[in-house]
């Protein structure tokens, strides 16, 4: 259905939207980018169209957790999965955000920006990951 200004509006009963930030990004980037005002954000644009929007609560400094991965053998063998030290923290945070977004029972549409897209597959996945033809 069309809305004000020809905007496409969310249908009744639309799923909640969960935004998973990209590498180096924080929750704030999707709510008030560059402190330019909320009305410039992707979350605002989606809410204006009738969607309920959740952005995974993530601070930029948390990306330093990725450095933990360099201390693992799988990192050096290029067999790291998203469930290990480098990114496991993100997957767990994403799963918690997903649970919160899904609590209303309307379903969840996951939007992953950059690394959030790759890691989003692990967030909604079953814990299996293909590494070099071998499932881990």
Protein backbone atom coordinates (compact mmCIF):
# COMPACT_ATOMS: atom_id res chain seq x y z
CA UNK A 1 0.00 0.00 0.00
CA UNK A 2 1.21 3.49 -0.75
CA UNK A 3 1.77 6.00 1.99
CA UNK A 4 2.53 9.66 2.27
CA UNK A 5 4.77 10.86 -0.55
CA UNK A 6 4.41 7.56 -2.40
CA UNK A 7 6.38 5.60 0.22
CA UNK A 8 5.79 1.89 0.29
CA UNK A 9 4.47 0.99 3.73
CA UNK A 10 4.98 -2.17 5.74
CA UNK A 11 2.05 -4.55 5.44
CA UNK A 12 -0.02 -5.37 8.51
CA UNK A 13 1.77 -7.96 10.63
CA UNK A 14 5.12 -7.23 8.99
CA UNK A 15 8.13 -8.85 10.63
CA UNK A 16 10.40 -6.80 12.85
CA UNK A 17 13.62 -5.64 11.20
CA UNK A 18 16.89 -6.47 12.95
CA UNK A 19 19.93 -4.58 11.67
CA UNK A 20 23.32 -6.20 12.27
CA UNK A 21 26.11 -3.61 12.03
CA UNK A 22 29.01 -3.98 9.63
CA UNK A 23 32.68 -4.27 10.54
CA UNK A 24 33.81 -1.26 12.54
CA UNK A 25 30.29 0.13 12.80
CA UNK A 26 28.27 0.73 15.95
CA UNK A 27 24.56 0.82 16.75
CA UNK A 28 24.68 4.61 16.63
CA UNK A 29 25.59 4.54 12.92
CA UNK A 30 22.15 3.11 12.12
CA UNK A 31 20.22 5.34 14.54
CA UNK A 32 21.93 8.75 14.25
CA UNK A 33 24.68 8.52 11.61
CA UNK A 34 27.55 10.97 12.08
CA UNK A 35 25.36 12.74 14.68
CA UNK A 36 23.49 14.31 11.76
CA UNK A 37 20.07 13.51 13.22
CA UNK A 38 17.92 10.44 13.53
CA UNK A 39 15.86 11.39 10.47
CA UNK A 40 18.92 10.60 8.31
CA UNK A 41 19.17 7.02 9.54
CA UNK A 42 18.11 3.79 7.93
CA UNK A 43 16.23 2.81 11.08
CA UNK A 44 14.20 6.04 10.91
CA UNK A 45 13.37 5.45 7.23
CA UNK A 46 12.12 1.95 8.02
CA UNK A 47 10.09 3.12 11.04
CA UNK A 48 8.51 5.85 8.89
CA UNK A 49 7.26 3.06 6.66
CA UNK A 50 5.71 1.21 9.58
CA UNK A 51 8.38 -1.33 10.50
CA UNK A 52 9.52 -2.03 14.05
CA UNK A 53 13.30 -1.74 13.94
CA UNK A 54 15.92 -3.17 16.26
CA UNK A 55 19.61 -2.42 15.84
CA UNK A 56 22.00 -4.77 17.57
CA UNK A 57 23.51 -2.83 20.49
CA UNK A 58 27.16 -2.66 19.53
CA UNK A 59 29.86 -0.16 20.41
CA UNK A 60 32.71 0.46 17.98
CA UNK A 61 35.35 -0.54 20.53
CA UNK A 62 33.87 -4.03 20.74
CA UNK A 63 35.34 -4.76 17.32
CA UNK A 64 38.72 -5.05 19.05
CA UNK A 65 37.48 -8.48 20.16
CA UNK A 66 38.34 -9.67 16.65
CA UNK A 67 42.00 -9.51 17.65
CA UNK A 68 41.47 -12.51 19.95
CA UNK A 69 41.34 -14.59 16.80
CA UNK A 70 45.03 -14.12 16.01
CA UNK A 71 45.86 -16.29 19.01
CA UNK A 72 44.06 -19.33 17.58
CA UNK A 73 45.51 -22.02 15.36
CA UNK A 74 42.46 -21.92 13.07
CA UNK A 75 43.25 -18.27 12.27
CA UNK A 76 46.73 -19.15 11.03
CA UNK A 77 45.42 -22.17 9.12
CA UNK A 78 42.75 -19.94 7.51
CA UNK A 79 39.99 -22.15 8.89
CA UNK A 80 38.31 -19.75 11.27
CA UNK A 81 34.55 -20.03 11.65
CA UNK A 82 32.27 -17.28 12.91
CA UNK A 83 31.69 -19.24 16.13
CA UNK A 84 35.27 -18.97 17.37
CA UNK A 85 37.13 -16.35 19.42
CA UNK A 86 37.39 -13.69 16.70
CA UNK A 87 33.67 -13.44 15.94
CA UNK A 88 31.83 -15.67 18.42
CA UNK A 89 31.10 -12.66 20.62
CA UNK A 90 29.31 -10.97 17.68
CA UNK A 91 27.28 -14.09 16.91
CA UNK A 92 26.15 -14.34 20.54
CA UNK A 93 25.20 -10.65 20.63
CA UNK A 94 23.34 -11.08 17.35
CA UNK A 95 21.44 -14.09 18.66
CA UNK A 96 20.39 -12.16 21.76
CA UNK A 97 19.22 -9.24 19.59
CA UNK A 98 17.34 -11.73 17.39
CA UNK A 99 15.61 -13.25 20.43
CA UNK A 100 14.53 -9.80 21.57
CA UNK A 101 13.26 -8.84 18.11
CA UNK A 102 11.40 -12.16 17.80
CA UNK A 103 9.74 -11.92 21.21
CA UNK A 104 6.55 -10.44 19.74
CA UNK A 105 6.03 -13.46 17.51
CA UNK A 106 5.68 -11.53 14.23
CA UNK A 107 8.91 -12.85 12.74
CA UNK A 108 12.21 -11.14 12.08
CA UNK A 109 13.77 -9.82 8.91
CA UNK A 110 17.55 -9.73 9.39
CA UNK A 111 19.43 -6.99 7.54
CA UNK A 112 23.19 -7.41 7.74
CA UNK A 113 25.48 -4.60 6.64
CA UNK A 114 28.82 -5.84 5.28
CA UNK A 115 30.34 -8.20 7.88
CA UNK A 116 26.95 -8.15 9.59
CA UNK A 117 25.61 -10.02 6.56
CA UNK A 118 28.24 -12.75 6.77
CA UNK A 119 27.93 -13.02 10.54
CA UNK A 120 24.15 -12.78 10.29
CA UNK A 121 24.17 -16.15 8.53
CA UNK A 122 25.82 -17.57 11.64
CA UNK A 123 23.37 -15.73 13.91
CA UNK A 124 20.39 -17.48 12.34
CA UNK A 125 22.31 -20.67 11.49
CA UNK A 126 22.50 -23.97 13.27
CA UNK A 127 26.13 -23.90 14.33
CA UNK A 128 27.37 -25.77 11.25
CA UNK A 129 29.93 -24.08 9.02
CA UNK A 130 31.69 -25.34 5.91
CA UNK A 131 35.45 -24.85 6.02
CA UNK A 132 37.38 -26.18 3.06
CA UNK A 133 34.70 -28.76 2.22
CA UNK A 134 34.53 -29.95 5.82
CA UNK A 135 31.57 -29.10 8.06
CA UNK A 136 32.65 -27.72 11.43
